[in-house]
Amino acid sequence: MSDLIARIEKALDEVRPFLANDGGDVSVVEVDGSTLKVQFHGACVGCKVSDFTLKGGIETTIKKYVPEIESVIAINE
């Protein structure tokens, strides 16, 4: 599991600078089978384009590094 998380974090490190430019961030909550659950932070919370960021940016990048992840969802905690 640590290799999986390391690859996920590597993928997130690729998109984090873009989120940080707008005052936001993202973190891993859990991996549930082939689904990655993430949580937005800062300006990303409640942002109108966060769904696009999630699917168009984060999910696409995650799938490039971690093809066994089939979907990425954002949760609020």
N, C-alpha and C. Protein backbone atom coordinates (compact mmCIF):
# COMPACT_ATOMS: atom_id res chain seq x y z
N MET A 1 0.82 -1.20 0.00
CA MET A 1 0.00 0.00 0.00
C MET A 1 0.87 1.26 0.00
N SER A 2 2.04 1.21 0.61
CA SER A 2 2.88 2.41 0.67
C SER A 2 3.37 2.82 -0.71
N ASP A 3 3.60 1.86 -1.62
CA ASP A 3 3.98 2.19 -2.99
C ASP A 3 2.84 2.90 -3.71
N LEU A 4 1.64 2.44 -3.47
CA LEU A 4 0.45 3.06 -4.07
C LEU A 4 0.32 4.51 -3.60
N ILE A 5 0.43 4.72 -2.31
CA ILE A 5 0.32 6.07 -1.75
C ILE A 5 1.46 6.95 -2.26
N ALA A 6 2.64 6.40 -2.38
CA ALA A 6 3.78 7.17 -2.90
C ALA A 6 3.52 7.63 -4.33
N ARG A 7 2.95 6.76 -5.16
CA ARG A 7 2.65 7.14 -6.54
C ARG A 7 1.51 8.16 -6.60
N ILE A 8 0.55 8.01 -5.71
CA ILE A 8 -0.54 8.99 -5.63
C ILE A 8 0.01 10.35 -5.24
N GLU A 9 0.86 10.38 -4.23
CA GLU A 9 1.45 11.64 -3.78
C GLU A 9 2.31 12.28 -4.87
N LYS A 10 3.02 11.46 -5.64
CA LYS A 10 3.82 11.98 -6.76
C LYS A 10 2.91 12.66 -7.79
N ALA A 11 1.78 12.03 -8.07
CA ALA A 11 0.82 12.61 -9.01
C ALA A 11 0.25 13.91 -8.46
N LEU A 12 -0.11 13.92 -7.18
CA LEU A 12 -0.66 15.13 -6.58
C LEU A 12 0.37 16.25 -6.54
N ASP A 13 1.64 15.90 -6.36
CA ASP A 13 2.69 16.91 -6.37
C ASP A 13 2.78 17.63 -7.72
N GLU A 14 2.32 16.95 -8.76
CA GLU A 14 2.32 17.57 -10.09
C GLU A 14 1.23 18.63 -10.22
N VAL A 15 0.11 18.46 -9.53
CA VAL A 15 -0.99 19.42 -9.65
C VAL A 15 -1.03 20.44 -8.51
N ARG A 16 -0.35 20.15 -7.41
CA ARG A 16 -0.38 21.06 -6.26
C ARG A 16 0.07 22.49 -6.56
N PRO A 17 1.09 22.70 -7.39
CA PRO A 17 1.48 24.09 -7.68
C PRO A 17 0.34 24.90 -8.31
N PHE A 18 -0.47 24.28 -9.14
CA PHE A 18 -1.59 24.97 -9.76
C PHE A 18 -2.65 25.33 -8.72
N LEU A 19 -2.90 24.40 -7.80
CA LEU A 19 -3.85 24.67 -6.72
C LEU A 19 -3.32 25.77 -5.80
N ALA A 20 -2.04 25.69 -5.49
CA ALA A 20 -1.43 26.68 -4.59
C ALA A 20 -1.47 28.08 -5.18
N ASN A 21 -1.36 28.18 -6.50
CA ASN A 21 -1.44 29.50 -7.14
C ASN A 21 -2.76 30.20 -6.85
N ASP A 22 -3.80 29.41 -6.62
CA ASP A 22 -5.11 29.96 -6.32
C ASP A 22 -5.45 29.88 -4.83
N GLY A 23 -4.46 29.52 -4.02
CA GLY A 23 -4.66 29.47 -2.58
C GLY A 23 -5.27 28.19 -2.05
N GLY A 24 -5.12 27.10 -2.80
CA GLY A 24 -5.72 25.84 -2.38
C GLY A 24 -4.72 24.71 -2.28
N ASP A 25 -5.22 23.55 -1.92
CA ASP A 25 -4.42 22.33 -1.83
C ASP A 25 -5.37 21.14 -1.83
N VAL A 26 -4.81 19.95 -1.87
CA VAL A 26 -5.57 18.71 -1.85
C VAL A 26 -4.78 17.68 -1.06
N SER A 27 -5.50 16.80 -0.36
CA SER A 27 -4.83 15.73 0.38
C SER A 27 -5.59 14.42 0.20
N VAL A 28 -4.87 13.33 0.39
CA VAL A 28 -5.45 12.00 0.30
C VAL A 28 -6.21 11.70 1.60
N VAL A 29 -7.43 11.23 1.46
CA VAL A 29 -8.20 10.80 2.62
C VAL A 29 -8.09 9.28 2.75
N GLU A 30 -8.40 8.56 1.66
CA GLU A 30 -8.26 7.11 1.68
C GLU A 30 -8.37 6.55 0.27
N VAL A 31 -7.88 5.33 0.14
CA VAL A 31 -8.07 4.56 -1.09
C VAL A 31 -9.06 3.45 -0.74
N ASP A 32 -10.16 3.42 -1.49
CA ASP A 32 -11.21 2.43 -1.27
C ASP A 32 -11.35 1.62 -2.54
N GLY A 33 -10.65 0.51 -2.61
CA GLY A 33 -10.64 -0.29 -3.83
C GLY A 33 -9.95 0.48 -4.94
N SER A 34 -10.69 0.76 -6.01
CA SER A 34 -10.11 1.51 -7.14
C SER A 34 -10.51 2.98 -7.11
N THR A 35 -11.05 3.41 -5.97
CA THR A 35 -11.48 4.81 -5.82
C THR A 35 -10.57 5.53 -4.83
N LEU A 36 -10.10 6.69 -5.24
CA LEU A 36 -9.30 7.54 -4.37
C LEU A 36 -10.19 8.65 -3.84
N LYS A 37 -10.19 8.82 -2.53
CA LYS A 37 -10.95 9.89 -1.91
C LYS A 37 -9.97 10.98 -1.48
N VAL A 38 -10.25 12.21 -1.91
CA VAL A 38 -9.39 13.33 -1.58
C VAL A 38 -10.22 14.42 -0.90
N GLN A 39 -9.50 15.34 -0.28
CA GLN A 39 -10.17 16.47 0.35
C GLN A 39 -9.47 17.75 -0.12
N PHE A 40 -10.27 18.73 -0.54
CA PHE A 40 -9.74 20.04 -0.92
C PHE A 40 -9.54 20.89 0.33
N HIS A 41 -8.58 21.81 0.24
CA HIS A 41 -8.29 22.73 1.33
C HIS A 41 -8.18 24.15 0.78
N GLY A 42 -8.29 25.11 1.66
CA GLY A 42 -8.12 26.52 1.30
C GLY A 42 -9.15 26.99 0.31
N ALA A 43 -8.69 27.74 -0.68
CA ALA A 43 -9.59 28.33 -1.67
C ALA A 43 -10.32 27.30 -2.52
N CYS A 44 -9.84 26.07 -2.54
CA CYS A 44 -10.50 25.03 -3.34
C CYS A 44 -11.83 24.59 -2.73
N VAL A 45 -12.00 24.78 -1.43
CA VAL A 45 -13.23 24.39 -0.76
C VAL A 45 -14.35 25.31 -1.24
N GLY A 46 -15.34 24.72 -1.86
CA GLY A 46 -16.48 25.48 -2.35
C GLY A 46 -16.25 26.24 -3.64
N CYS A 47 -15.09 26.09 -4.25
CA CYS A 47 -14.80 26.77 -5.52
C CYS A 47 -15.73 26.23 -6.61
N LYS A 48 -16.21 27.13 -7.45
CA LYS A 48 -17.16 26.75 -8.50
C LYS A 48 -16.54 25.83 -9.56
N VAL A 49 -15.23 25.89 -9.73
CA VAL A 49 -14.59 25.04 -10.74
C VAL A 49 -13.88 23.83 -10.13
N SER A 50 -14.15 23.54 -8.85
CA SER A 50 -13.46 22.42 -8.21
C SER A 50 -13.81 21.07 -8.85
N ASP A 51 -15.02 20.93 -9.38
CA ASP A 51 -15.37 19.67 -10.06
C ASP A 51 -14.52 19.49 -11.32
N PHE A 52 -14.32 20.57 -12.06
CA PHE A 52 -13.45 20.50 -13.24
C PHE A 52 -12.02 20.19 -12.83
N THR A 53 -11.55 20.83 -11.78
CA THR A 53 -10.20 20.58 -11.28
C THR A 53 -10.06 19.13 -10.86
N LEU A 54 -11.08 18.60 -10.19
CA LEU A 54 -11.04 17.22 -9.72
C LEU A 54 -10.95 16.24 -10.88
N LYS A 55 -11.84 16.38 -11.85
CA LYS A 55 -11.89 15.41 -12.96
C LYS A 55 -10.86 15.71 -14.04
N GLY A 56 -10.74 16.97 -14.44
CA GLY A 56 -9.85 17.32 -15.54
C GLY A 56 -8.40 17.40 -15.17
N GLY A 57 -8.11 17.71 -13.93
CA GLY A 57 -6.72 17.86 -13.50
C GLY A 57 -6.25 16.72 -12.62
N ILE A 58 -6.89 16.58 -11.48
CA ILE A 58 -6.43 15.60 -10.49
C ILE A 58 -6.65 14.16 -10.95
N GLU A 59 -7.87 13.82 -11.36
CA GLU A 59 -8.15 12.44 -11.76
C GLU A 59 -7.31 12.02 -12.97
N THR A 60 -7.19 12.90 -13.94
CA THR A 60 -6.38 12.58 -15.13
C THR A 60 -4.92 12.32 -14.75
N THR A 61 -4.38 13.15 -13.88
CA THR A 61 -2.98 12.99 -13.46
C THR A 61 -2.80 11.74 -12.62
N ILE A 62 -3.74 11.48 -11.71
CA ILE A 62 -3.67 10.26 -10.90
C ILE A 62 -3.66 9.02 -11.78
N LYS A 63 -4.55 8.98 -12.77
CA LYS A 63 -4.63 7.81 -13.64
C LYS A 63 -3.35 7.60 -14.44
N LYS A 64 -2.63 8.68 -14.73
CA LYS A 64 -1.35 8.56 -15.45
C LYS A 64 -0.32 7.85 -14.59
N TYR A 65 -0.26 8.18 -13.31
CA TYR A 65 0.72 7.60 -12.39
C TYR A 65 0.24 6.31 -11.74
N VAL A 66 -1.06 6.20 -11.54
CA VAL A 66 -1.63 5.08 -10.80
C VAL A 66 -2.83 4.53 -11.57
N PRO A 67 -2.59 3.76 -12.63
CA PRO A 67 -3.69 3.32 -13.50
C PRO A 67 -4.72 2.43 -12.80
N GLU A 68 -4.36 1.85 -11.67
CA GLU A 68 -5.34 1.01 -10.96
C GLU A 68 -6.41 1.84 -10.25
N ILE A 69 -6.20 3.14 -10.13
CA ILE A 69 -7.23 4.02 -9.60
C ILE A 69 -8.15 4.40 -10.77
N GLU A 70 -9.44 4.08 -10.64
CA GLU A 70 -10.40 4.31 -11.70
C GLU A 70 -11.18 5.60 -11.53
N SER A 71 -11.33 6.06 -10.30
CA SER A 71 -12.04 7.31 -10.08
C SER A 71 -11.50 8.02 -8.85
N VAL A 72 -11.66 9.34 -8.89
CA VAL A 72 -11.24 10.18 -7.76
C VAL A 72 -12.46 11.00 -7.36
N ILE A 73 -12.78 10.96 -6.07
CA ILE A 73 -13.90 11.76 -5.57
C ILE A 73 -13.41 12.65 -4.44
N ALA A 74 -14.05 13.79 -4.32
CA ALA A 74 -13.75 14.72 -3.23
C ALA A 74 -14.78 14.54 -2.14
N ILE A 75 -14.31 14.51 -0.91
CA ILE A 75 -15.21 14.41 0.23
C ILE A 75 -14.99 15.61 1.14
N ASN A 76 -15.99 15.90 1.94
CA ASN A 76 -15.88 16.96 2.94
C ASN A 76 -15.85 16.31 4.31
N GLU A 77 -14.88 16.67 5.10
CA GLU A 77 -14.79 16.12 6.47
C GLU A 77 -14.80 17.23 7.46
